[in-house]
Amino acid sequence: MYICICNAVCDKSIQNAITEGNRCSDSVYKACGVEPQCGCCRDEIEDMIESHEQGLAGATLMAAE
């Protein structure tokens, strides 16, 4: 599914960028080889980053138990 229509960037590309360690929307754009245009996708990218970080935190807690 396309997250950034202006740059034709799909959710898988964004998720890959986040998994590689990009933790802000600007670094995700850069990792995807694009620059922000209208900015409508920025909130969705930030939500994806937050979800990823929460998943990591949950995995860390489970591993500690």
N, C-alpha and C. Protein backbone atom coordinates (compact mmCIF):
# COMPACT_ATOMS: atom_id res chain seq x y z
N MET A 1 0.85 -1.17 0.00
CA MET A 1 0.00 0.00 0.00
C MET A 1 0.90 1.24 0.00
N TYR A 2 0.53 2.21 -0.81
CA TYR A 2 1.29 3.45 -0.84
C TYR A 2 1.00 4.29 0.39
N ILE A 3 2.05 4.72 1.06
CA ILE A 3 1.94 5.63 2.20
C ILE A 3 2.20 7.06 1.72
N CYS A 4 3.23 7.22 0.90
CA CYS A 4 3.57 8.53 0.34
C CYS A 4 3.20 8.54 -1.13
N ILE A 5 2.10 9.18 -1.43
CA ILE A 5 1.61 9.23 -2.82
C ILE A 5 2.52 10.10 -3.68
N CYS A 6 2.97 11.22 -3.15
CA CYS A 6 3.81 12.15 -3.93
C CYS A 6 5.07 11.48 -4.46
N ASN A 7 5.67 10.61 -3.64
CA ASN A 7 6.92 9.96 -4.02
C ASN A 7 6.75 8.49 -4.36
N ALA A 8 5.52 8.00 -4.33
CA ALA A 8 5.21 6.59 -4.63
C ALA A 8 6.03 5.64 -3.75
N VAL A 9 5.99 5.89 -2.43
CA VAL A 9 6.70 5.04 -1.48
C VAL A 9 5.67 4.18 -0.75
N CYS A 10 5.90 2.88 -0.77
CA CYS A 10 4.94 1.95 -0.16
C CYS A 10 5.32 1.64 1.28
N ASP A 11 4.39 1.03 1.99
CA ASP A 11 4.58 0.70 3.40
C ASP A 11 5.76 -0.24 3.62
N LYS A 12 6.01 -1.16 2.70
CA LYS A 12 7.12 -2.09 2.86
C LYS A 12 8.46 -1.37 2.82
N SER A 13 8.60 -0.39 1.94
CA SER A 13 9.84 0.39 1.86
C SER A 13 10.05 1.19 3.14
N ILE A 14 8.98 1.77 3.64
CA ILE A 14 9.06 2.55 4.87
C ILE A 14 9.39 1.63 6.04
N GLN A 15 8.74 0.48 6.11
CA GLN A 15 9.01 -0.46 7.21
C GLN A 15 10.45 -0.94 7.16
N ASN A 16 10.97 -1.20 5.98
CA ASN A 16 12.37 -1.60 5.85
C ASN A 16 13.30 -0.51 6.37
N ALA A 17 13.01 0.74 6.03
CA ALA A 17 13.83 1.86 6.49
C ALA A 17 13.80 1.96 8.01
N ILE A 18 12.63 1.75 8.59
CA ILE A 18 12.49 1.80 10.05
C ILE A 18 13.26 0.65 10.69
N THR A 19 13.14 -0.54 10.13
CA THR A 19 13.84 -1.71 10.65
C THR A 19 15.35 -1.53 10.60
N GLU A 20 15.82 -0.79 9.60
CA GLU A 20 17.25 -0.52 9.46
C GLU A 20 17.75 0.52 10.46
N GLY A 21 16.84 1.10 11.26
CA GLY A 21 17.28 2.00 12.32
C GLY A 21 16.89 3.45 12.16
N ASN A 22 16.15 3.79 11.14
CA ASN A 22 15.72 5.18 10.94
C ASN A 22 14.55 5.46 11.88
N ARG A 23 14.72 6.45 12.74
CA ARG A 23 13.75 6.70 13.80
C ARG A 23 13.08 8.06 13.74
N CYS A 24 13.17 8.75 12.61
CA CYS A 24 12.38 9.97 12.41
C CYS A 24 11.98 10.00 10.94
N SER A 25 10.91 10.71 10.65
CA SER A 25 10.38 10.70 9.28
C SER A 25 11.41 11.21 8.27
N ASP A 26 12.19 12.22 8.64
CA ASP A 26 13.18 12.75 7.70
C ASP A 26 14.22 11.70 7.32
N SER A 27 14.66 10.90 8.29
CA SER A 27 15.64 9.87 7.96
C SER A 27 15.00 8.73 7.16
N VAL A 28 13.71 8.48 7.40
CA VAL A 28 13.00 7.47 6.61
C VAL A 28 12.89 7.93 5.16
N TYR A 29 12.53 9.19 4.95
CA TYR A 29 12.49 9.72 3.58
C TYR A 29 13.84 9.53 2.90
N LYS A 30 14.90 9.91 3.61
CA LYS A 30 16.25 9.82 3.03
C LYS A 30 16.60 8.38 2.71
N ALA A 31 16.30 7.46 3.64
CA ALA A 31 16.59 6.05 3.41
C ALA A 31 15.83 5.49 2.20
N CYS A 32 14.67 6.07 1.94
CA CYS A 32 13.86 5.64 0.78
C CYS A 32 14.28 6.36 -0.50
N GLY A 33 15.23 7.29 -0.36
CA GLY A 33 15.75 7.99 -1.54
C GLY A 33 14.84 9.10 -2.05
N VAL A 34 14.02 9.66 -1.15
CA VAL A 34 13.10 10.72 -1.55
C VAL A 34 13.18 11.88 -0.56
N GLU A 35 12.54 12.97 -0.91
CA GLU A 35 12.39 14.10 -0.02
C GLU A 35 10.91 14.35 0.20
N PRO A 36 10.54 14.83 1.39
CA PRO A 36 9.11 15.10 1.63
C PRO A 36 8.59 16.15 0.66
N GLN A 37 7.36 15.94 0.22
CA GLN A 37 6.72 16.89 -0.70
C GLN A 37 5.61 17.62 0.05
N CYS A 38 4.42 17.07 0.07
CA CYS A 38 3.29 17.76 0.70
C CYS A 38 3.25 17.53 2.22
N GLY A 39 3.87 16.44 2.69
CA GLY A 39 3.93 16.17 4.13
C GLY A 39 2.73 15.41 4.69
N CYS A 40 1.78 15.07 3.86
CA CYS A 40 0.59 14.36 4.35
C CYS A 40 0.92 12.99 4.92
N CYS A 41 2.00 12.39 4.49
CA CYS A 41 2.35 11.04 4.96
C CYS A 41 3.19 11.06 6.23
N ARG A 42 3.67 12.22 6.63
CA ARG A 42 4.57 12.32 7.78
C ARG A 42 3.96 11.70 9.05
N ASP A 43 2.71 11.98 9.33
CA ASP A 43 2.06 11.42 10.52
C ASP A 43 1.99 9.90 10.46
N GLU A 44 1.69 9.36 9.29
CA GLU A 44 1.62 7.90 9.13
C GLU A 44 3.00 7.28 9.35
N ILE A 45 4.03 7.90 8.82
CA ILE A 45 5.39 7.40 9.01
C ILE A 45 5.76 7.45 10.50
N GLU A 46 5.45 8.55 11.16
CA GLU A 46 5.73 8.66 12.60
C GLU A 46 4.96 7.59 13.39
N ASP A 47 3.72 7.30 13.00
CA ASP A 47 2.95 6.24 13.65
C ASP A 47 3.61 4.87 13.44
N MET A 48 4.13 4.65 12.24
CA MET A 48 4.81 3.38 11.96
C MET A 48 6.07 3.24 12.80
N ILE A 49 6.80 4.34 12.97
CA ILE A 49 8.00 4.34 13.80
C ILE A 49 7.62 4.02 15.25
N GLU A 50 6.58 4.68 15.74
CA GLU A 50 6.13 4.46 17.12
C GLU A 50 5.70 3.01 17.33
N SER A 51 4.96 2.46 16.39
CA SER A 51 4.52 1.06 16.50
C SER A 51 5.72 0.12 16.53
N HIS A 52 6.70 0.41 15.71
CA HIS A 52 7.91 -0.42 15.67
C HIS A 52 8.63 -0.35 17.01
N GLU A 53 8.77 0.85 17.55
CA GLU A 53 9.46 1.01 18.84
C GLU A 53 8.71 0.33 19.96
N GLN A 54 7.38 0.39 19.93
CA GLN A 54 6.58 -0.30 20.96
C GLN A 54 6.75 -1.80 20.84
N GLY A 55 6.84 -2.30 19.63
CA GLY A 55 7.08 -3.72 19.42
C GLY A 55 8.43 -4.15 19.96
N LEU A 56 9.45 -3.30 19.75
CA LEU A 56 10.77 -3.59 20.29
C LEU A 56 10.77 -3.59 21.81
N ALA A 57 10.06 -2.62 22.39
CA ALA A 57 10.00 -2.52 23.84
C ALA A 57 9.29 -3.74 24.42
N GLY A 58 8.24 -4.19 23.77
CA GLY A 58 7.53 -5.38 24.23
C GLY A 58 8.39 -6.61 24.14
N ALA A 59 9.15 -6.73 23.07
CA ALA A 59 10.03 -7.88 22.90
C ALA A 59 11.13 -7.88 23.94
N THR A 60 11.63 -6.70 24.28
CA THR A 60 12.68 -6.58 25.29
C THR A 60 12.14 -6.99 26.66
N LEU A 61 10.92 -6.57 26.98
CA LEU A 61 10.33 -6.95 28.26
C LEU A 61 10.11 -8.45 28.36
N MET A 62 9.64 -9.04 27.28
CA MET A 62 9.40 -10.49 27.28
C MET A 62 10.71 -11.25 27.42
N ALA A 63 11.77 -10.76 26.77
CA ALA A 63 13.06 -11.44 26.85
C ALA A 63 13.65 -11.35 28.26
N ALA A 64 13.32 -10.27 28.97
CA ALA A 64 13.85 -10.07 30.31
C ALA A 64 13.18 -10.98 31.34
N GLU A 65 12.02 -11.47 31.01
CA GLU A 65 11.26 -12.30 31.98
C GLU A 65 11.80 -13.68 32.12
